[in-house]
Protein backbone atom coordinates (compact mmCIF):
# COMPACT_ATOMS: atom_id res chain seq x y z
CA MET A 1 12.23 29.17 7.62
CA LYS A 2 10.67 27.86 4.42
CA GLN A 3 13.37 29.27 2.26
CA GLU A 4 16.00 27.43 4.50
CA ILE A 5 14.11 24.26 4.09
CA ASN A 6 14.08 24.63 0.29
CA PHE A 7 17.93 25.12 0.03
CA PHE A 8 18.60 22.37 2.77
CA PRO A 9 19.18 19.59 0.03
CA GLU A 10 21.42 21.88 -1.85
CA LYS A 11 23.54 22.33 1.42
CA PHE A 12 23.99 18.49 1.69
CA LEU A 13 25.06 18.48 -2.13
CA ILE A 14 27.52 21.12 -1.47
CA LEU A 15 29.01 19.31 1.57
CA HIS A 16 29.03 16.04 -0.29
CA LYS A 17 30.77 17.71 -3.40
CA SER A 18 33.31 19.24 -0.98
CA LEU A 19 34.28 15.95 0.54
CA VAL A 20 34.62 14.30 -2.91
CA SER A 21 36.78 17.21 -4.34
CA TYR A 22 39.04 17.15 -1.19
CA PHE A 23 39.63 13.36 -1.52
CA ASN A 24 40.21 13.59 -5.25
CA SER A 25 42.66 16.31 -4.67
CA ALA A 26 44.59 14.46 -2.17
CA LEU A 27 44.49 11.18 -4.20
CA LYS A 28 45.23 12.72 -7.53
CA ASP A 29 48.83 10.91 -7.77
CA SER A 30 47.59 7.59 -6.85
CA ASP A 31 45.53 4.92 -8.56
CA MET A 32 42.55 5.76 -6.31
CA SER A 33 39.65 8.17 -6.16
CA ALA A 34 37.10 9.32 -3.67
CA GLY A 35 34.56 6.82 -4.85
CA TYR A 36 36.75 4.06 -3.13
CA VAL A 37 37.53 5.72 0.20
CA PHE A 38 34.39 4.60 1.85
CA TYR A 39 34.97 1.00 1.07
CA PHE A 40 38.42 1.19 2.92
CA LEU A 41 36.96 2.94 5.77
CA LEU A 42 34.41 0.03 6.31
CA LEU A 43 36.84 -2.68 5.78
CA ALA A 44 39.40 -0.93 8.07
CA GLN A 45 36.73 -1.69 10.89
CA GLU A 46 36.15 -5.31 9.98
CA ASN A 47 36.34 -7.96 7.31
CA MET A 48 33.09 -8.45 5.81
CA THR A 49 31.35 -10.39 2.91
CA GLN A 50 30.56 -8.75 -0.41
CA ALA A 51 26.92 -8.68 0.53
CA GLN A 52 27.51 -7.13 3.84
CA LEU A 53 29.96 -4.57 2.17
CA SER A 54 27.07 -3.64 -0.34
CA GLN A 55 24.63 -3.17 2.51
CA ARG A 56 26.95 -0.98 4.75
CA SER A 57 28.15 1.11 1.79
CA LYS A 58 24.48 1.58 0.62
CA ARG A 59 25.39 0.47 -3.11
CA ASP A 60 24.08 -2.22 -5.10
CA LYS A 61 25.54 -5.54 -5.35
CA ALA A 62 26.87 -5.18 -8.90
CA HIS A 63 28.51 -2.03 -8.02
CA THR A 64 30.18 -3.44 -5.08
CA ASN A 65 31.20 -6.52 -7.14
CA ARG A 66 32.89 -4.35 -9.68
CA VAL A 67 34.56 -2.22 -7.08
CA VAL A 68 35.86 -5.45 -5.03
CA SER A 69 37.24 -6.91 -8.23
CA GLN A 70 39.14 -3.69 -9.21
CA LEU A 71 40.44 -3.53 -5.77
CA ILE A 72 41.65 -6.94 -5.63
CA GLU A 73 43.25 -6.62 -9.16
CA LYS A 74 45.04 -3.58 -7.70
CA GLY A 75 46.39 -5.45 -4.80
CA TYR A 76 44.41 -3.68 -1.85
CA LEU A 77 41.80 -6.49 -1.20
CA GLU A 78 41.88 -10.26 -0.93
CA TYR A 79 39.53 -12.85 0.29
CA GLU A 80 39.93 -14.47 3.67
CA ASP A 81 39.32 -18.14 2.34
CA ASN A 82 38.04 -20.01 -0.48
CA ASN A 83 34.59 -20.71 0.74
CA ILE A 84 32.87 -19.04 -2.09
CA LYS A 85 29.39 -18.68 -0.60
CA ASN A 86 30.36 -16.53 2.38
CA ARG A 87 33.91 -15.52 2.05
CA LYS A 88 34.85 -12.29 3.70
CA ILE A 89 36.84 -9.53 2.06
CA LYS A 90 39.90 -8.23 3.75
CA LEU A 91 42.46 -5.52 3.36
CA THR A 92 46.11 -6.56 2.13
CA GLY A 93 49.08 -4.87 3.77
CA LYS A 94 48.87 -2.18 0.78
CA GLY A 95 45.01 -1.92 1.55
CA MET A 96 45.87 -1.34 5.35
CA GLU A 97 48.21 1.49 4.42
CA PHE A 98 45.75 3.30 2.11
CA ALA A 99 43.02 2.66 4.73
CA GLU A 100 45.32 4.54 7.27
CA TYR A 101 45.87 7.44 4.81
CA CYS A 102 41.99 7.79 4.30
CA LYS A 103 41.34 7.80 7.92
CA LYS A 104 44.04 10.70 8.24
CA LEU A 105 42.56 12.47 5.39
CA PHE A 106 39.04 12.26 6.52
CA LYS A 107 40.07 13.47 10.20
CA GLU A 108 41.84 16.38 8.59
CA TYR A 109 38.69 17.23 6.45
CA ILE A 110 36.47 16.92 9.42
CA LYS A 111 38.68 19.20 11.72
CA ASN A 112 38.70 21.83 9.03
CA LEU A 113 35.07 21.61 8.22
CA PHE A 114 34.04 21.84 11.94
CA SER A 115 36.59 24.69 12.64
CA GLY A 116 35.20 27.57 14.44
CA ILE A 117 31.77 25.90 15.16
CA ASP A 118 30.73 25.91 18.78
CA LYS A 119 30.70 22.39 20.52
CA ASN A 120 27.05 22.76 21.47
CA ASP A 121 26.01 23.58 17.88
CA LEU A 122 27.89 20.57 16.73
CA GLU A 123 25.99 18.52 19.31
CA THR A 124 22.70 19.96 18.10
CA THR A 125 23.67 19.23 14.37
CA SER A 126 24.48 15.79 15.20
CA LYS A 127 21.10 15.19 17.02
CA VAL A 128 19.25 16.73 14.07
CA LEU A 129 21.13 14.72 11.30
CA THR A 130 20.48 11.64 13.34
CA GLN A 131 16.82 12.36 13.22
CA LEU A 132 16.86 13.28 9.68
CA ILE A 133 18.48 9.91 8.91
CA ASN A 134 15.75 8.13 10.90
CA ASN A 135 13.03 10.10 9.12
CA ALA A 136 14.64 9.15 5.86
CA LYS A 137 14.56 5.46 6.68
CA THR A 138 10.90 5.53 6.97
CA LEU A 139 10.47 7.04 3.53
CA ASP A 140 12.57 4.33 1.84
CA PRO A 141 10.98 0.95 1.99
CA LEU A 142 14.23 -0.65 0.83
CA GLU A 143 16.32 0.69 3.66
CA ASP A 144 17.61 -1.88 6.25
CA ASP A 145 17.54 -1.03 9.92
CA ASN A 146 20.90 -2.97 10.36
CA ASP A 147 23.13 0.23 10.33
């Protein structure tokens, strides 16, 4: 068991690399990359301020600001109104189309990733991952419980 625990972080990195590679390959002919996908998936759920987007994406505000500026410039995002302090970001028509494409890609990836895995094993894995996330939150003093 000790050996399995030592290789556990490596397994997470392999899954992450696989997901990033999958999206980058699917998006190679577009002006997007895997780094943008999560922002689209979040904004497809609800419009939010940059601070909320930063918090939900687990990225610092400067990074989120750069991404939002780039996506506004590319025509994927816009602000809901001109209230500078609490203005919400929303997807444009072009952004909504791209978000739908990202959802489709993500569903395909998950379907292929979970192929051949027993439903009970997936439920157990989900429970274990949830507990790992909860444990990780206790290790990070900067983590906010508003997930």
